Amino acid sequence: MPRPRYHLLATLPIAAVAARTWGGPAALGALCGGMLIDADHVVDYVWTRARGRKSHYLAPLHAWELLLALGFFARAAVRSERRRRVPDHWVGSQAGGPVHAGAAVLAGVAVGMMGHLAVDVAGNRPRHAGVYSLVFRLRHGFTRESTGWTEEGGFHGWSELPWYQWWRAF
């Protein structure tokens, strides 16, 4: 299971590249996209506690579709910002440099999330990469067994702990 420290180690170089490409706000976005995506496991934790068993895998932010939509909007925002700055380019500014903070954060979140999902697929070794698709999970009723989600190596054992002991997952 990729623990948060591994996600941080994978996200730091992505954040550095994002900062060089789109500016400082993109690095912050990449860190958020690469780390805070796991906050959606709280949904699974609540579901597990309410049902008394680990029968479903919900994790709404762990989705290829969300990544694709976010990437599309980030690209559109960055391109729009660069087109808006074309007249500045004619008077000496760099059109390929940092972009507006909002567009940069959006681009950073997209690349950070992409890195997170790649680490998850490599580290969690699901039977099918479709486990990270909302449509795939919805089609299978979000049940762990029918989606092919396994509990190898005590995966997400933190969800059995009380919330105040989650620090042990690090």
N, C-alpha and C. Protein backbone atom coordinates (compact mmCIF):
# COMPACT_ATOMS: atom_id res chain seq x y z
N MET A 1 0.84 -1.18 0.00
CA MET A 1 0.00 0.00 0.00
C MET A 1 0.88 1.24 0.00
N PRO A 2 0.68 2.15 -0.94
CA PRO A 2 1.43 3.40 -0.91
C PRO A 2 0.97 4.25 0.27
N ARG A 3 1.84 4.45 1.20
CA ARG A 3 1.54 5.28 2.37
C ARG A 3 1.72 6.74 1.99
N PRO A 4 1.21 7.65 2.80
CA PRO A 4 1.33 9.08 2.47
C PRO A 4 2.77 9.52 2.22
N ARG A 5 3.71 8.95 2.93
CA ARG A 5 5.11 9.37 2.71
C ARG A 5 5.57 9.04 1.29
N TYR A 6 5.09 7.93 0.72
CA TYR A 6 5.46 7.57 -0.64
C TYR A 6 4.79 8.50 -1.66
N HIS A 7 3.56 8.87 -1.35
CA HIS A 7 2.89 9.84 -2.23
C HIS A 7 3.62 11.18 -2.18
N LEU A 8 4.09 11.58 -1.00
CA LEU A 8 4.84 12.82 -0.89
C LEU A 8 6.14 12.75 -1.69
N LEU A 9 6.85 11.64 -1.57
CA LEU A 9 8.11 11.48 -2.31
C LEU A 9 7.87 11.50 -3.82
N ALA A 10 6.76 10.95 -4.26
CA ALA A 10 6.45 10.95 -5.70
C ALA A 10 5.96 12.32 -6.16
N THR A 11 5.31 13.05 -5.27
CA THR A 11 4.71 14.34 -5.64
C THR A 11 5.73 15.47 -5.65
N LEU A 12 6.77 15.41 -4.84
CA LEU A 12 7.74 16.50 -4.78
C LEU A 12 8.40 16.80 -6.13
N PRO A 13 8.88 15.81 -6.88
CA PRO A 13 9.45 16.15 -8.20
C PRO A 13 8.39 16.67 -9.17
N ILE A 14 7.17 16.16 -9.06
CA ILE A 14 6.08 16.65 -9.92
C ILE A 14 5.82 18.12 -9.60
N ALA A 15 5.82 18.47 -8.31
CA ALA A 15 5.60 19.86 -7.90
C ALA A 15 6.73 20.76 -8.40
N ALA A 16 7.96 20.25 -8.39
CA ALA A 16 9.10 21.04 -8.87
C ALA A 16 8.97 21.33 -10.37
N VAL A 17 8.58 20.32 -11.13
CA VAL A 17 8.38 20.52 -12.57
C VAL A 17 7.21 21.46 -12.83
N ALA A 18 6.13 21.32 -12.06
CA ALA A 18 4.97 22.20 -12.21
C ALA A 18 5.36 23.64 -11.90
N ALA A 19 6.20 23.85 -10.90
CA ALA A 19 6.63 25.21 -10.56
C ALA A 19 7.45 25.82 -11.69
N ARG A 20 8.31 25.04 -12.30
CA ARG A 20 9.11 25.55 -13.42
C ARG A 20 8.26 25.83 -14.65
N THR A 21 7.21 25.02 -14.84
CA THR A 21 6.39 25.13 -16.03
C THR A 21 5.34 26.23 -15.91
N TRP A 22 4.60 26.25 -14.78
CA TRP A 22 3.47 27.17 -14.64
C TRP A 22 3.59 28.16 -13.49
N GLY A 23 4.65 28.04 -12.67
CA GLY A 23 4.84 28.97 -11.57
C GLY A 23 4.54 28.33 -10.21
N GLY A 24 4.82 29.10 -9.17
CA GLY A 24 4.67 28.63 -7.79
C GLY A 24 3.29 28.09 -7.42
N PRO A 25 2.21 28.77 -7.83
CA PRO A 25 0.89 28.23 -7.49
C PRO A 25 0.65 26.82 -8.03
N ALA A 26 1.28 26.47 -9.14
CA ALA A 26 1.13 25.12 -9.70
C ALA A 26 1.79 24.09 -8.79
N ALA A 27 2.90 24.47 -8.15
CA ALA A 27 3.55 23.54 -7.21
C ALA A 27 2.63 23.26 -6.03
N LEU A 28 1.99 24.30 -5.54
CA LEU A 28 1.03 24.11 -4.45
C LEU A 28 -0.13 23.22 -4.90
N GLY A 29 -0.62 23.46 -6.10
CA GLY A 29 -1.69 22.63 -6.65
C GLY A 29 -1.27 21.18 -6.80
N ALA A 30 -0.03 20.95 -7.25
CA ALA A 30 0.46 19.58 -7.41
C ALA A 30 0.56 18.88 -6.06
N LEU A 31 1.02 19.59 -5.05
CA LEU A 31 1.08 18.98 -3.71
C LEU A 31 -0.31 18.64 -3.20
N CYS A 32 -1.25 19.53 -3.44
CA CYS A 32 -2.64 19.26 -3.02
C CYS A 32 -3.22 18.09 -3.81
N GLY A 33 -3.03 18.10 -5.12
CA GLY A 33 -3.56 17.02 -5.96
C GLY A 33 -2.92 15.68 -5.66
N GLY A 34 -1.66 15.70 -5.29
CA GLY A 34 -0.95 14.47 -5.01
C GLY A 34 -1.16 13.93 -3.61
N MET A 35 -1.53 14.80 -2.68
CA MET A 35 -1.66 14.37 -1.29
C MET A 35 -3.09 14.39 -0.76
N LEU A 36 -3.80 15.46 -1.03
CA LEU A 36 -5.12 15.63 -0.42
C LEU A 36 -6.20 14.79 -1.08
N ILE A 37 -5.89 14.18 -2.21
CA ILE A 37 -6.86 13.30 -2.87
C ILE A 37 -7.27 12.16 -1.93
N ASP A 38 -6.37 11.76 -1.04
CA ASP A 38 -6.69 10.67 -0.13
C ASP A 38 -7.72 11.04 0.93
N ALA A 39 -8.08 12.30 1.00
CA ALA A 39 -9.13 12.70 1.95
C ALA A 39 -10.46 12.03 1.61
N ASP A 40 -10.61 11.58 0.37
CA ASP A 40 -11.86 10.91 0.01
C ASP A 40 -12.00 9.54 0.67
N HIS A 41 -10.93 9.03 1.25
CA HIS A 41 -11.04 7.76 1.96
C HIS A 41 -11.87 7.90 3.24
N VAL A 42 -12.08 9.13 3.66
CA VAL A 42 -12.95 9.36 4.81
C VAL A 42 -14.36 8.87 4.47
N VAL A 43 -14.77 9.00 3.22
CA VAL A 43 -16.08 8.49 2.78
C VAL A 43 -16.12 6.98 3.01
N ASP A 44 -15.03 6.29 2.61
CA ASP A 44 -14.96 4.84 2.83
C ASP A 44 -14.96 4.50 4.32
N TYR A 45 -14.26 5.31 5.09
CA TYR A 45 -14.19 5.08 6.54
C TYR A 45 -15.58 5.20 7.16
N VAL A 46 -16.31 6.24 6.80
CA VAL A 46 -17.66 6.43 7.33
C VAL A 46 -18.57 5.28 6.89
N TRP A 47 -18.47 4.88 5.61
CA TRP A 47 -19.28 3.78 5.09
C TRP A 47 -18.97 2.49 5.86
N THR A 48 -17.67 2.23 6.06
CA THR A 48 -17.25 1.01 6.77
C THR A 48 -17.78 1.01 8.20
N ARG A 49 -17.69 2.15 8.87
CA ARG A 49 -18.17 2.25 10.25
C ARG A 49 -19.69 2.09 10.31
N ALA A 50 -20.39 2.69 9.36
CA ALA A 50 -21.86 2.61 9.37
C ALA A 50 -22.35 1.20 9.07
N ARG A 51 -21.67 0.51 8.14
CA ARG A 51 -22.09 -0.83 7.74
C ARG A 51 -21.47 -1.93 8.59
N GLY A 52 -20.37 -1.62 9.26
CA GLY A 52 -19.71 -2.60 10.10
C GLY A 52 -18.84 -3.58 9.34
N ARG A 53 -18.59 -3.34 8.06
CA ARG A 53 -17.73 -4.22 7.27
C ARG A 53 -17.21 -3.47 6.04
N LYS A 54 -16.09 -3.95 5.52
CA LYS A 54 -15.49 -3.36 4.33
C LYS A 54 -16.06 -4.04 3.09
N SER A 55 -17.21 -3.62 2.66
CA SER A 55 -17.85 -4.27 1.53
C SER A 55 -17.75 -3.46 0.24
N HIS A 56 -17.50 -2.17 0.36
CA HIS A 56 -17.51 -1.29 -0.80
C HIS A 56 -16.24 -0.46 -0.87
N TYR A 57 -15.92 -0.05 -2.08
CA TYR A 57 -14.81 0.87 -2.33
C TYR A 57 -15.40 2.07 -3.05
N LEU A 58 -15.54 3.19 -2.34
CA LEU A 58 -16.19 4.38 -2.91
C LEU A 58 -15.16 5.37 -3.45
N ALA A 59 -14.31 5.92 -2.59
CA ALA A 59 -13.23 6.84 -2.94
C ALA A 59 -13.55 7.70 -4.17
N PRO A 60 -14.46 8.67 -4.04
CA PRO A 60 -14.92 9.41 -5.21
C PRO A 60 -13.87 10.24 -5.95
N LEU A 61 -12.78 10.62 -5.29
CA LEU A 61 -11.75 11.41 -5.98
C LEU A 61 -10.74 10.54 -6.74
N HIS A 62 -10.69 9.27 -6.44
CA HIS A 62 -9.78 8.35 -7.14
C HIS A 62 -10.47 7.89 -8.41
N ALA A 63 -10.44 8.72 -9.44
CA ALA A 63 -11.19 8.42 -10.66
C ALA A 63 -10.47 8.97 -11.88
N TRP A 64 -10.28 8.09 -12.86
CA TRP A 64 -9.68 8.52 -14.13
C TRP A 64 -10.53 9.59 -14.79
N GLU A 65 -11.85 9.46 -14.68
CA GLU A 65 -12.75 10.44 -15.32
C GLU A 65 -12.56 11.83 -14.73
N LEU A 66 -12.41 11.89 -13.42
CA LEU A 66 -12.18 13.18 -12.76
C LEU A 66 -10.84 13.77 -13.20
N LEU A 67 -9.83 12.92 -13.29
CA LEU A 67 -8.52 13.38 -13.76
C LEU A 67 -8.60 13.91 -15.18
N LEU A 68 -9.30 13.20 -16.05
CA LEU A 68 -9.45 13.62 -17.43
C LEU A 68 -10.16 14.97 -17.53
N ALA A 69 -11.26 15.13 -16.79
CA ALA A 69 -11.99 16.40 -16.79
C ALA A 69 -11.13 17.52 -16.22
N LEU A 70 -10.43 17.26 -15.14
CA LEU A 70 -9.56 18.26 -14.53
C LEU A 70 -8.45 18.66 -15.49
N GLY A 71 -7.86 17.68 -16.16
CA GLY A 71 -6.81 17.97 -17.13
C GLY A 71 -7.32 18.80 -18.29
N PHE A 72 -8.52 18.49 -18.76
CA PHE A 72 -9.13 19.25 -19.84
C PHE A 72 -9.34 20.71 -19.43
N PHE A 73 -9.92 20.92 -18.25
CA PHE A 73 -10.16 22.29 -17.79
C PHE A 73 -8.86 23.03 -17.50
N ALA A 74 -7.87 22.33 -16.97
CA ALA A 74 -6.58 22.96 -16.70
C ALA A 74 -5.92 23.41 -18.00
N ARG A 75 -5.93 22.54 -19.01
CA ARG A 75 -5.34 22.90 -20.30
C ARG A 75 -6.06 24.10 -20.91
N ALA A 76 -7.38 24.09 -20.84
CA ALA A 76 -8.15 25.21 -21.39
C ALA A 76 -7.84 26.50 -20.64
N ALA A 77 -7.71 26.42 -19.32
CA ALA A 77 -7.42 27.62 -18.53
C ALA A 77 -6.02 28.16 -18.83
N VAL A 78 -5.04 27.28 -18.94
CA VAL A 78 -3.67 27.72 -19.25
C VAL A 78 -3.61 28.32 -20.64
N ARG A 79 -4.25 27.67 -21.62
CA ARG A 79 -4.24 28.20 -23.00
C ARG A 79 -4.95 29.55 -23.08
N SER A 80 -6.06 29.67 -22.38
CA SER A 80 -6.80 30.93 -22.37
C SER A 80 -5.95 32.04 -21.77
N GLU A 81 -5.27 31.73 -20.68
CA GLU A 81 -4.42 32.73 -20.03
C GLU A 81 -3.27 33.15 -20.94
N ARG A 82 -2.68 32.20 -21.62
CA ARG A 82 -1.56 32.53 -22.51
C ARG A 82 -2.03 33.33 -23.72
N ARG A 83 -3.23 33.02 -24.24
CA ARG A 83 -3.78 33.81 -25.36
C ARG A 83 -4.08 35.24 -24.91
N ARG A 84 -4.56 35.38 -23.69
CA ARG A 84 -4.88 36.71 -23.17
C ARG A 84 -3.61 37.55 -23.04
N ARG A 85 -2.47 36.91 -22.81
CA ARG A 85 -1.22 37.63 -22.60
C ARG A 85 -0.45 37.89 -23.88
N VAL A 86 -0.96 37.52 -25.04
CA VAL A 86 -0.23 37.69 -26.30
C VAL A 86 0.20 39.14 -26.53
N PRO A 87 -0.67 40.15 -26.32
CA PRO A 87 -0.19 41.52 -26.53
C PRO A 87 0.99 41.88 -25.64
N ASP A 88 1.05 41.33 -24.40
CA ASP A 88 2.20 41.57 -23.54
C ASP A 88 3.47 40.98 -24.13
N HIS A 89 3.31 39.87 -24.81
CA HIS A 89 4.47 39.22 -25.43
C HIS A 89 5.10 40.12 -26.48
N TRP A 90 4.25 40.86 -27.18
CA TRP A 90 4.77 41.75 -28.21
C TRP A 90 5.62 42.87 -27.63
N VAL A 91 5.39 43.21 -26.36
CA VAL A 91 6.19 44.29 -25.76
C VAL A 91 7.26 43.76 -24.82
N GLY A 92 7.56 42.49 -24.90
CA GLY A 92 8.73 41.98 -24.20
C GLY A 92 8.49 40.95 -23.11
N SER A 93 7.28 40.64 -22.72
CA SER A 93 7.09 39.63 -21.67
C SER A 93 7.15 38.24 -22.28
N GLN A 94 7.33 37.23 -21.44
CA GLN A 94 7.42 35.85 -21.91
C GLN A 94 6.04 35.23 -21.95
N ALA A 95 5.56 34.85 -23.11
CA ALA A 95 4.24 34.22 -23.22
C ALA A 95 4.26 32.79 -22.73
N GLY A 96 5.41 32.14 -22.67
CA GLY A 96 5.48 30.76 -22.24
C GLY A 96 5.76 30.60 -20.76
N GLY A 97 5.87 31.68 -20.01
CA GLY A 97 6.22 31.63 -18.59
C GLY A 97 5.03 31.32 -17.71
N PRO A 98 5.15 31.70 -16.43
CA PRO A 98 4.09 31.43 -15.47
C PRO A 98 2.75 32.02 -15.92
N VAL A 99 1.68 31.35 -15.55
CA VAL A 99 0.34 31.77 -15.93
C VAL A 99 -0.41 32.26 -14.70
N HIS A 100 -1.63 32.71 -14.90
CA HIS A 100 -2.48 33.17 -13.81
C HIS A 100 -2.56 32.10 -12.72
N ALA A 101 -2.62 32.53 -11.47
CA ALA A 101 -2.58 31.60 -10.34
C ALA A 101 -3.68 30.54 -10.42
N GLY A 102 -4.89 30.92 -10.81
CA GLY A 102 -5.98 29.95 -10.89
C GLY A 102 -5.71 28.86 -11.90
N ALA A 103 -5.24 29.24 -13.08
CA ALA A 103 -4.92 28.26 -14.12
C ALA A 103 -3.75 27.39 -13.68
N ALA A 104 -2.77 28.00 -13.01
CA ALA A 104 -1.59 27.26 -12.56
C ALA A 104 -1.97 26.23 -11.50
N VAL A 105 -2.80 26.63 -10.55
CA VAL A 105 -3.23 25.70 -9.50
C VAL A 105 -3.99 24.53 -10.12
N LEU A 106 -4.88 24.83 -11.04
CA LEU A 106 -5.66 23.78 -11.70
C LEU A 106 -4.75 22.80 -12.44
N ALA A 107 -3.77 23.32 -13.15
CA ALA A 107 -2.82 22.45 -13.85
C ALA A 107 -2.01 21.63 -12.86
N GLY A 108 -1.59 22.25 -11.78
CA GLY A 108 -0.83 21.54 -10.75
C GLY A 108 -1.63 20.43 -10.10
N VAL A 109 -2.89 20.70 -9.78
CA VAL A 109 -3.74 19.67 -9.18
C VAL A 109 -3.88 18.48 -10.14
N ALA A 110 -4.04 18.77 -11.43
CA ALA A 110 -4.20 17.69 -12.41
C ALA A 110 -2.95 16.81 -12.47
N VAL A 111 -1.77 17.41 -12.55
CA VAL A 111 -0.56 16.58 -12.65
C VAL A 111 -0.26 15.89 -11.32
N GLY A 112 -0.57 16.54 -10.20
CA GLY A 112 -0.39 15.89 -8.90
C GLY A 112 -1.30 14.69 -8.73
N MET A 113 -2.55 14.85 -9.16
CA MET A 113 -3.50 13.76 -9.09
C MET A 113 -3.10 12.60 -10.01
N MET A 114 -2.58 12.94 -11.18
CA MET A 114 -2.12 11.91 -12.11
C MET A 114 -0.98 11.10 -11.47
N GLY A 115 -0.06 11.78 -10.84
CA GLY A 115 1.03 11.09 -10.16
C GLY A 115 0.52 10.21 -9.02
N HIS A 116 -0.46 10.71 -8.28
CA HIS A 116 -1.02 9.95 -7.17
C HIS A 116 -1.67 8.66 -7.68
N LEU A 117 -2.49 8.77 -8.71
CA LEU A 117 -3.16 7.58 -9.24
C LEU A 117 -2.15 6.58 -9.82
N ALA A 118 -1.09 7.08 -10.44
CA ALA A 118 -0.05 6.18 -10.97
C ALA A 118 0.63 5.42 -9.84
N VAL A 119 0.94 6.11 -8.75
CA VAL A 119 1.56 5.45 -7.59
C VAL A 119 0.58 4.44 -6.98
N ASP A 120 -0.70 4.81 -6.93
CA ASP A 120 -1.70 3.88 -6.39
C ASP A 120 -1.81 2.60 -7.23
N VAL A 121 -1.86 2.75 -8.53
CA VAL A 121 -1.98 1.58 -9.40
C VAL A 121 -0.74 0.70 -9.25
N ALA A 122 0.44 1.31 -9.22
CA ALA A 122 1.67 0.53 -9.09
C ALA A 122 1.80 -0.10 -7.70
N GLY A 123 1.40 0.62 -6.68
CA GLY A 123 1.58 0.12 -5.32
C GLY A 123 0.46 -0.78 -4.82
N ASN A 124 -0.76 -0.49 -5.21
CA ASN A 124 -1.90 -1.28 -4.71
C ASN A 124 -2.15 -2.53 -5.54
N ARG A 125 -1.65 -2.54 -6.76
CA ARG A 125 -1.78 -3.67 -7.66
C ARG A 125 -3.21 -4.21 -7.75
N PRO A 126 -4.16 -3.35 -8.11
CA PRO A 126 -5.52 -3.88 -8.27
C PRO A 126 -5.57 -4.85 -9.44
N ARG A 127 -6.54 -5.73 -9.43
CA ARG A 127 -6.66 -6.71 -10.52
C ARG A 127 -6.96 -6.04 -11.85
N HIS A 128 -7.52 -4.85 -11.80
CA HIS A 128 -7.93 -4.15 -13.01
C HIS A 128 -7.78 -2.65 -12.75
N ALA A 129 -7.18 -1.91 -13.68
CA ALA A 129 -7.01 -0.46 -13.52
C ALA A 129 -8.36 0.26 -13.51
N GLY A 130 -9.41 -0.44 -13.94
CA GLY A 130 -10.75 0.13 -13.91
C GLY A 130 -11.25 0.40 -12.50
N VAL A 131 -10.59 -0.18 -11.51
CA VAL A 131 -10.96 0.09 -10.12
C VAL A 131 -10.89 1.59 -9.85
N TYR A 132 -10.03 2.28 -10.58
CA TYR A 132 -9.90 3.72 -10.41
C TYR A 132 -10.80 4.50 -11.37
N SER A 133 -11.83 3.87 -11.85
CA SER A 133 -12.82 4.53 -12.71
C SER A 133 -14.16 4.55 -11.97
N LEU A 134 -14.74 5.71 -11.85
CA LEU A 134 -16.06 5.81 -11.20
C LEU A 134 -17.12 5.04 -11.98
N VAL A 135 -17.07 5.12 -13.29
CA VAL A 135 -18.05 4.41 -14.11
C VAL A 135 -17.92 2.90 -13.90
N PHE A 136 -16.69 2.40 -13.86
CA PHE A 136 -16.45 0.97 -13.64
C PHE A 136 -16.98 0.56 -12.27
N ARG A 137 -16.65 1.34 -11.24
CA ARG A 137 -17.11 1.00 -9.89
C ARG A 137 -18.61 1.11 -9.77
N LEU A 138 -19.20 2.11 -10.41
CA LEU A 138 -20.66 2.27 -10.38
C LEU A 138 -21.33 1.08 -11.05
N ARG A 139 -20.80 0.68 -12.21
CA ARG A 139 -21.36 -0.46 -12.94
C ARG A 139 -21.33 -1.74 -12.11
N HIS A 140 -20.35 -1.84 -11.20
CA HIS A 140 -20.23 -3.01 -10.34
C HIS A 140 -20.77 -2.76 -8.93
N GLY A 141 -21.54 -1.70 -8.76
CA GLY A 141 -22.17 -1.43 -7.48
C GLY A 141 -21.21 -1.03 -6.37
N PHE A 142 -20.02 -0.59 -6.72
CA PHE A 142 -18.99 -0.17 -5.78
C PHE A 142 -18.57 -1.28 -4.81
N THR A 143 -18.96 -2.52 -5.06
CA THR A 143 -18.57 -3.61 -4.17
C THR A 143 -17.13 -4.03 -4.46
N ARG A 144 -16.40 -4.30 -3.40
CA ARG A 144 -14.98 -4.66 -3.53
C ARG A 144 -14.79 -5.92 -4.35
N GLU A 145 -15.58 -6.93 -4.09
CA GLU A 145 -15.39 -8.22 -4.76
C GLU A 145 -15.63 -8.11 -6.26
N SER A 146 -16.72 -7.47 -6.66
CA SER A 146 -17.04 -7.43 -8.09
C SER A 146 -16.14 -6.48 -8.87
N THR A 147 -15.52 -5.49 -8.21
CA THR A 147 -14.59 -4.61 -8.91
C THR A 147 -13.18 -5.19 -8.96
N GLY A 148 -12.93 -6.21 -8.14
CA GLY A 148 -11.59 -6.80 -8.12
C GLY A 148 -10.67 -6.13 -7.13
N TRP A 149 -11.22 -5.36 -6.21
CA TRP A 149 -10.40 -4.70 -5.20
C TRP A 149 -10.05 -5.70 -4.12
N THR A 150 -8.77 -5.80 -3.80
CA THR A 150 -8.33 -6.80 -2.83
C THR A 150 -7.87 -6.15 -1.55
N GLU A 151 -7.67 -6.96 -0.55
CA GLU A 151 -7.16 -6.51 0.75
C GLU A 151 -5.76 -7.07 0.98
N GLU A 152 -4.97 -7.19 -0.07
CA GLU A 152 -3.63 -7.75 0.06
C GLU A 152 -2.78 -6.90 0.99
N GLY A 153 -2.07 -7.60 1.87
CA GLY A 153 -1.14 -6.90 2.76
C GLY A 153 -1.81 -5.94 3.72
N GLY A 154 -3.03 -6.21 4.12
CA GLY A 154 -3.71 -5.33 5.06
C GLY A 154 -4.01 -3.96 4.48
N PHE A 155 -4.33 -3.94 3.21
CA PHE A 155 -4.57 -2.67 2.53
C PHE A 155 -5.58 -1.82 3.28
N HIS A 156 -5.25 -0.58 3.47
CA HIS A 156 -6.08 0.39 4.17
C HIS A 156 -6.49 -0.10 5.55
N GLY A 157 -5.55 -0.73 6.23
CA GLY A 157 -5.82 -1.18 7.59
C GLY A 157 -6.14 -0.04 8.53
N TRP A 158 -5.75 1.17 8.15
CA TRP A 158 -6.05 2.32 8.99
C TRP A 158 -7.55 2.50 9.18
N SER A 159 -8.35 2.03 8.23
CA SER A 159 -9.79 2.26 8.34
C SER A 159 -10.42 1.45 9.46
N GLU A 160 -9.66 0.49 9.99
CA GLU A 160 -10.15 -0.27 11.13
C GLU A 160 -9.79 0.41 12.44
N LEU A 161 -8.92 1.42 12.39
CA LEU A 161 -8.49 2.13 13.58
C LEU A 161 -9.45 3.26 13.90
N PRO A 162 -9.51 3.69 15.17
CA PRO A 162 -10.26 4.91 15.47
C PRO A 162 -9.61 6.10 14.77
N TRP A 163 -10.37 7.10 14.40
CA TRP A 163 -9.86 8.23 13.62
C TRP A 163 -8.66 8.90 14.26
N TYR A 164 -8.56 8.90 15.59
CA TYR A 164 -7.45 9.59 16.25
C TYR A 164 -6.14 8.79 16.19
N GLN A 165 -6.17 7.59 15.60
CA GLN A 165 -4.95 6.81 15.43
C GLN A 165 -4.54 6.68 13.95
N TRP A 166 -5.14 7.47 13.09
CA TRP A 166 -4.81 7.39 11.66
C TRP A 166 -3.37 7.76 11.37
N TRP A 167 -2.73 8.48 12.26
CA TRP A 167 -1.34 8.85 12.06
C TRP A 167 -0.47 7.63 11.86
N ARG A 168 -0.92 6.46 12.34
CA ARG A 168 -0.14 5.23 12.21
C ARG A 168 0.00 4.80 10.74
N ALA A 169 -0.84 5.34 9.87
CA ALA A 169 -0.77 4.98 8.44
C ALA A 169 0.48 5.54 7.78
N PHE A 170 1.10 6.53 8.38
CA PHE A 170 2.28 7.12 7.77
C PHE A 170 3.45 6.17 7.86
